[in-house]
Amino acid sequence: MQSQRTFVGKRFRKLRSCSGVEGAPSCTGWKQGTRYVNPNNQSEVVTIIRGKPHPLETPVKQWPYARISDPPSERSEPIPLAGNPAL
């Protein structure tokens, strides 16, 4: 799991180093989070999601997690972030 967090961190730092990258709201409700889109490659997106506080089929989604979208690989599985007991 640590390698996935490291991967998210590297991808996130890469996006933040691009000029003009700012977070934008991703959704409303429990999926509310922040999307970071690479201005040089609109398909490269890191989304940080706060999680849903009650039981779900996927426990990792109850706490903060990230997803990476980078076609052709599509969207990643939920990747737990700091504060997520799934780590």
Protein backbone atom coordinates (compact mmCIF):
# COMPACT_ATOMS: atom_id res chain seq x y z
CA MET A 1 0.00 0.00 0.00
CA GLN A 2 2.91 2.35 0.76
CA SER A 3 4.05 2.17 -2.87
CA GLN A 4 0.60 3.34 -4.04
CA ARG A 5 0.74 6.32 -1.64
CA THR A 6 4.23 7.14 -2.88
CA PHE A 7 2.97 6.94 -6.48
CA VAL A 8 0.08 9.32 -5.68
CA GLY A 9 2.48 11.70 -3.94
CA LYS A 10 4.87 11.74 -6.90
CA ARG A 11 2.05 12.22 -9.42
CA PHE A 12 0.50 14.96 -7.27
CA ARG A 13 3.83 16.81 -6.91
CA LYS A 14 4.36 16.50 -10.67
CA LEU A 15 0.95 18.08 -11.35
CA ARG A 16 1.49 20.83 -8.77
CA SER A 17 4.83 21.70 -10.38
CA CYS A 18 3.10 22.45 -13.70
CA SER A 19 2.27 26.10 -14.03
CA GLY A 20 -1.42 26.85 -13.78
CA VAL A 21 -2.47 23.73 -11.85
CA GLU A 22 -5.03 24.58 -9.22
CA GLY A 23 -7.46 22.34 -7.40
CA ALA A 24 -11.11 22.49 -8.41
CA PRO A 25 -14.13 20.95 -6.66
CA SER A 26 -14.79 17.42 -7.93
CA CYS A 27 -18.30 16.53 -6.75
CA THR A 28 -20.82 17.16 -4.02
CA GLY A 29 -21.87 14.92 -1.17
CA TRP A 30 -19.59 12.23 0.21
CA LYS A 31 -17.51 12.16 -2.99
CA GLN A 32 -16.68 15.82 -2.46
CA GLY A 33 -13.03 16.42 -3.07
CA THR A 34 -10.52 18.28 -5.17
CA ARG A 35 -9.42 17.51 -8.74
CA TYR A 36 -5.98 18.46 -10.02
CA VAL A 37 -5.74 18.39 -13.83
CA ASN A 38 -2.46 18.57 -15.74
CA PRO A 39 -2.76 21.57 -18.09
CA ASN A 40 -0.37 19.89 -20.55
CA ASN A 41 -2.35 16.63 -20.59
CA GLN A 42 -6.04 17.06 -19.73
CA SER A 43 -6.50 13.30 -19.27
CA GLU A 44 -4.04 13.20 -16.36
CA VAL A 45 -6.01 13.87 -13.17
CA VAL A 46 -5.42 13.25 -9.46
CA THR A 47 -8.57 13.46 -7.33
CA ILE A 48 -8.41 13.69 -3.54
CA ILE A 49 -11.71 12.53 -1.95
CA ARG A 50 -12.69 12.99 1.70
CA GLY A 51 -14.58 9.69 2.04
CA LYS A 52 -17.96 8.58 3.35
CA PRO A 53 -18.26 8.14 7.13
CA HIS A 54 -20.64 5.17 7.17
CA PRO A 55 -20.18 1.55 6.00
CA LEU A 56 -19.70 0.82 2.34
CA GLU A 57 -18.70 -2.22 0.32
CA THR A 58 -15.18 -0.75 0.12
CA PRO A 59 -13.92 0.23 3.62
CA VAL A 60 -11.06 2.30 2.16
CA LYS A 61 -13.69 4.77 0.90
CA GLN A 62 -14.80 5.60 4.47
CA TRP A 63 -11.71 7.78 4.96
CA PRO A 64 -9.57 10.11 2.79
CA TYR A 65 -8.41 8.49 -0.45
CA ALA A 66 -7.19 9.40 -3.91
CA ARG A 67 -7.83 8.22 -7.45
CA ILE A 68 -5.61 8.71 -10.47
CA SER A 69 -7.09 9.02 -13.95
CA ASP A 70 -4.62 8.66 -16.77
CA PRO A 71 -5.97 6.95 -19.90
CA PRO A 72 -5.42 4.42 -21.32
CA SER A 73 -5.14 2.92 -17.81
CA GLU A 74 -8.47 4.53 -16.87
CA ARG A 75 -9.17 5.28 -13.20
CA SER A 76 -7.19 3.70 -10.37
CA GLU A 77 -8.62 1.80 -7.45
CA PRO A 78 -9.08 3.93 -4.30
CA ILE A 79 -5.67 4.67 -2.76
CA PRO A 80 -5.81 5.38 1.01
CA LEU A 81 -4.22 8.59 2.25
CA ALA A 82 -2.92 9.73 5.64
CA GLY A 83 -5.57 9.21 8.32
CA ASN A 84 -7.13 6.22 6.53
CA PRO A 85 -7.03 3.07 8.73
CA ALA A 86 -6.67 0.95 5.58
CA LEU A 87 -2.97 1.92 5.43
